[in-house]
Amino acid sequence: MHADAIEYRFTVEDPKTWAKPFSGEVPLVKMDIQGPFVEHACHEGNRAPENMLSVARYQEKVAALEKGSN
């Protein structure tokens, strides 16, 4: 791993649910993001992310048109 990353490791132990413990790991890398960061999560049946993104794209288009007309 490098200085801008974290190695996230975990182990799940629940004998009532799982036959044996299991582990996993996920590299978390710093990103250079311009503007707000929107979490990506399971959103089955949830239209809010789609609506938020469509409004953001509309606002970007309006801003670009306004900038171009000045």
N, C-alpha and C. Protein backbone atom coordinates (compact mmCIF):
# COMPACT_ATOMS: atom_id res chain seq x y z
N MET A 1 0.83 -1.19 0.00
CA MET A 1 0.00 0.00 0.00
C MET A 1 0.87 1.24 0.00
N HIS A 2 0.34 2.31 -0.54
CA HIS A 2 1.07 3.57 -0.55
C HIS A 2 0.47 4.53 0.47
N ALA A 3 1.02 5.71 0.59
CA ALA A 3 0.64 6.67 1.64
C ALA A 3 -0.81 7.14 1.53
N ASP A 4 -1.40 7.09 0.34
CA ASP A 4 -2.77 7.57 0.15
C ASP A 4 -3.78 6.43 0.13
N ALA A 5 -3.49 5.34 0.84
CA ALA A 5 -4.39 4.19 0.83
C ALA A 5 -4.44 3.53 2.21
N ILE A 6 -5.56 2.87 2.44
CA ILE A 6 -5.76 2.09 3.67
C ILE A 6 -6.20 0.70 3.24
N GLU A 7 -5.62 -0.31 3.85
CA GLU A 7 -6.05 -1.69 3.61
C GLU A 7 -7.05 -2.04 4.70
N TYR A 8 -8.34 -2.06 4.37
CA TYR A 8 -9.39 -2.37 5.35
C TYR A 8 -9.61 -3.87 5.36
N ARG A 9 -9.36 -4.50 6.51
CA ARG A 9 -9.53 -5.95 6.66
C ARG A 9 -10.57 -6.24 7.73
N PHE A 10 -11.34 -7.30 7.51
CA PHE A 10 -12.36 -7.64 8.49
C PHE A 10 -12.55 -9.15 8.56
N THR A 11 -13.06 -9.61 9.69
CA THR A 11 -13.43 -11.01 9.89
C THR A 11 -14.81 -11.04 10.52
N VAL A 12 -15.67 -11.88 9.97
CA VAL A 12 -17.03 -12.04 10.48
C VAL A 12 -17.10 -13.37 11.21
N GLU A 13 -17.49 -13.30 12.47
CA GLU A 13 -17.64 -14.51 13.28
C GLU A 13 -19.02 -14.50 13.93
N ASP A 14 -19.89 -15.39 13.48
CA ASP A 14 -21.23 -15.50 14.04
C ASP A 14 -21.67 -16.96 13.88
N PRO A 15 -21.37 -17.80 14.88
CA PRO A 15 -21.65 -19.23 14.76
C PRO A 15 -23.13 -19.56 14.59
N LYS A 16 -24.01 -18.65 15.00
CA LYS A 16 -25.45 -18.90 14.81
C LYS A 16 -25.87 -18.70 13.36
N THR A 17 -25.07 -17.95 12.60
CA THR A 17 -25.42 -17.64 11.21
C THR A 17 -24.52 -18.36 10.21
N TRP A 18 -23.21 -18.40 10.49
CA TRP A 18 -22.24 -18.95 9.54
C TRP A 18 -21.59 -20.21 10.11
N ALA A 19 -21.28 -21.16 9.23
CA ALA A 19 -20.64 -22.41 9.65
C ALA A 19 -19.22 -22.17 10.17
N LYS A 20 -18.54 -21.19 9.61
CA LYS A 20 -17.20 -20.85 10.07
C LYS A 20 -16.94 -19.37 9.79
N PRO A 21 -16.00 -18.77 10.49
CA PRO A 21 -15.68 -17.35 10.25
C PRO A 21 -15.16 -17.14 8.82
N PHE A 22 -15.36 -15.95 8.30
CA PHE A 22 -14.78 -15.60 7.01
C PHE A 22 -14.22 -14.18 7.08
N SER A 23 -13.26 -13.92 6.21
CA SER A 23 -12.56 -12.64 6.20
C SER A 23 -12.58 -12.03 4.81
N GLY A 24 -12.31 -10.75 4.78
CA GLY A 24 -12.20 -10.04 3.52
C GLY A 24 -11.33 -8.82 3.69
N GLU A 25 -10.97 -8.21 2.58
CA GLU A 25 -10.20 -6.98 2.64
C GLU A 25 -10.55 -6.12 1.43
N VAL A 26 -10.51 -4.81 1.65
CA VAL A 26 -10.84 -3.84 0.62
C VAL A 26 -9.81 -2.71 0.67
N PRO A 27 -9.15 -2.43 -0.45
CA PRO A 27 -8.24 -1.29 -0.46
C PRO A 27 -9.05 0.00 -0.60
N LEU A 28 -8.80 0.96 0.27
CA LEU A 28 -9.46 2.26 0.22
C LEU A 28 -8.40 3.27 -0.23
N VAL A 29 -8.57 3.82 -1.42
CA VAL A 29 -7.56 4.70 -2.01
C VAL A 29 -8.11 6.13 -2.08
N LYS A 30 -7.30 7.10 -1.67
CA LYS A 30 -7.69 8.50 -1.71
C LYS A 30 -7.95 8.91 -3.16
N MET A 31 -9.06 9.62 -3.36
CA MET A 31 -9.42 10.08 -4.69
C MET A 31 -9.40 11.59 -4.74
N ASP A 32 -8.98 12.14 -5.86
CA ASP A 32 -9.00 13.58 -6.07
C ASP A 32 -10.34 13.93 -6.71
N ILE A 33 -11.28 14.39 -5.89
CA ILE A 33 -12.65 14.62 -6.36
C ILE A 33 -12.92 16.12 -6.44
N GLN A 34 -13.47 16.54 -7.56
CA GLN A 34 -13.90 17.92 -7.73
C GLN A 34 -15.40 17.96 -7.46
N GLY A 35 -15.84 18.70 -6.49
CA GLY A 35 -17.26 18.81 -6.18
C GLY A 35 -17.67 17.80 -5.13
N PRO A 36 -18.97 17.69 -4.89
CA PRO A 36 -19.46 16.80 -3.83
C PRO A 36 -19.31 15.33 -4.22
N PHE A 37 -19.13 14.52 -3.22
CA PHE A 37 -19.00 13.08 -3.41
C PHE A 37 -20.32 12.42 -3.03
N VAL A 38 -20.89 11.63 -3.93
CA VAL A 38 -22.16 10.95 -3.68
C VAL A 38 -21.85 9.47 -3.43
N GLU A 39 -22.29 8.98 -2.30
CA GLU A 39 -22.05 7.59 -1.94
C GLU A 39 -22.75 6.66 -2.93
N HIS A 40 -22.05 5.61 -3.33
CA HIS A 40 -22.65 4.57 -4.14
C HIS A 40 -23.11 3.47 -3.18
N ALA A 41 -24.38 3.20 -3.16
CA ALA A 41 -24.91 2.17 -2.28
C ALA A 41 -26.06 1.46 -2.98
N CYS A 42 -26.46 0.36 -2.45
CA CYS A 42 -27.60 -0.36 -2.99
C CYS A 42 -28.82 0.54 -2.92
N HIS A 43 -29.49 0.73 -4.02
CA HIS A 43 -30.64 1.61 -4.03
C HIS A 43 -31.79 1.01 -4.84
N GLU A 44 -31.93 -0.28 -4.78
CA GLU A 44 -32.99 -0.95 -5.52
C GLU A 44 -34.34 -0.36 -5.14
N GLY A 45 -35.05 0.15 -6.12
CA GLY A 45 -36.35 0.75 -5.88
C GLY A 45 -36.28 2.18 -5.37
N ASN A 46 -35.09 2.68 -5.11
CA ASN A 46 -34.93 4.04 -4.60
C ASN A 46 -34.51 4.92 -5.77
N ARG A 47 -35.37 5.82 -6.17
CA ARG A 47 -35.09 6.69 -7.32
C ARG A 47 -34.38 7.98 -6.93
N ALA A 48 -34.13 8.20 -5.65
CA ALA A 48 -33.49 9.45 -5.21
C ALA A 48 -32.13 9.67 -5.88
N PRO A 49 -31.23 8.67 -5.95
CA PRO A 49 -29.94 8.93 -6.60
C PRO A 49 -30.10 9.35 -8.07
N GLU A 50 -30.99 8.69 -8.78
CA GLU A 50 -31.23 9.04 -10.18
C GLU A 50 -31.75 10.47 -10.29
N ASN A 51 -32.68 10.82 -9.42
CA ASN A 51 -33.24 12.17 -9.45
C ASN A 51 -32.19 13.22 -9.09
N MET A 52 -31.39 12.95 -8.06
CA MET A 52 -30.35 13.90 -7.65
C MET A 52 -29.35 14.13 -8.78
N LEU A 53 -28.96 13.05 -9.44
CA LEU A 53 -27.99 13.18 -10.52
C LEU A 53 -28.58 13.90 -11.73
N SER A 54 -29.85 13.64 -12.04
CA SER A 54 -30.45 14.32 -13.19
C SER A 54 -30.58 15.82 -12.91
N VAL A 55 -30.90 16.20 -11.68
CA VAL A 55 -30.97 17.63 -11.33
C VAL A 55 -29.58 18.25 -11.42
N ALA A 56 -28.56 17.55 -10.94
CA ALA A 56 -27.19 18.07 -11.00
C ALA A 56 -26.75 18.27 -12.45
N ARG A 57 -27.07 17.31 -13.34
CA ARG A 57 -26.71 17.46 -14.76
C ARG A 57 -27.44 18.65 -15.37
N TYR A 58 -28.71 18.85 -15.00
CA TYR A 58 -29.48 19.99 -15.50
C TYR A 58 -28.85 21.30 -15.04
N GLN A 59 -28.48 21.37 -13.77
CA GLN A 59 -27.84 22.58 -13.24
C GLN A 59 -26.52 22.86 -13.95
N GLU A 60 -25.77 21.82 -14.25
CA GLU A 60 -24.52 22.00 -14.98
C GLU A 60 -24.77 22.55 -16.38
N LYS A 61 -25.80 22.04 -17.07
CA LYS A 61 -26.13 22.53 -18.41
C LYS A 61 -26.55 24.00 -18.37
N VAL A 62 -27.39 24.35 -17.40
CA VAL A 62 -27.83 25.75 -17.26
C VAL A 62 -26.64 26.65 -17.01
N ALA A 63 -25.76 26.25 -16.11
CA ALA A 63 -24.57 27.05 -15.79
C ALA A 63 -23.68 27.21 -17.03
N ALA A 64 -23.53 26.16 -17.83
CA ALA A 64 -22.71 26.24 -19.04
C ALA A 64 -23.34 27.17 -20.06
N LEU A 65 -24.67 27.12 -20.20
CA LEU A 65 -25.36 28.01 -21.13
C LEU A 65 -25.23 29.45 -20.69
N GLU A 66 -25.38 29.70 -19.39
CA GLU A 66 -25.26 31.05 -18.85
C GLU A 66 -23.83 31.58 -19.05
N LYS A 67 -22.86 30.72 -18.83
CA LYS A 67 -21.46 31.12 -19.00
C LYS A 67 -21.17 31.45 -20.46
N GLY A 68 -21.75 30.65 -21.37
CA GLY A 68 -21.53 30.86 -22.79
C GLY A 68 -22.20 32.11 -23.33
N SER A 69 -23.27 32.58 -22.70
CA SER A 69 -23.99 33.77 -23.18
C SER A 69 -23.41 35.06 -22.63
N ASN A 70 -22.46 34.98 -21.71
CA ASN A 70 -21.85 36.19 -21.12
C ASN A 70 -20.72 36.70 -21.96
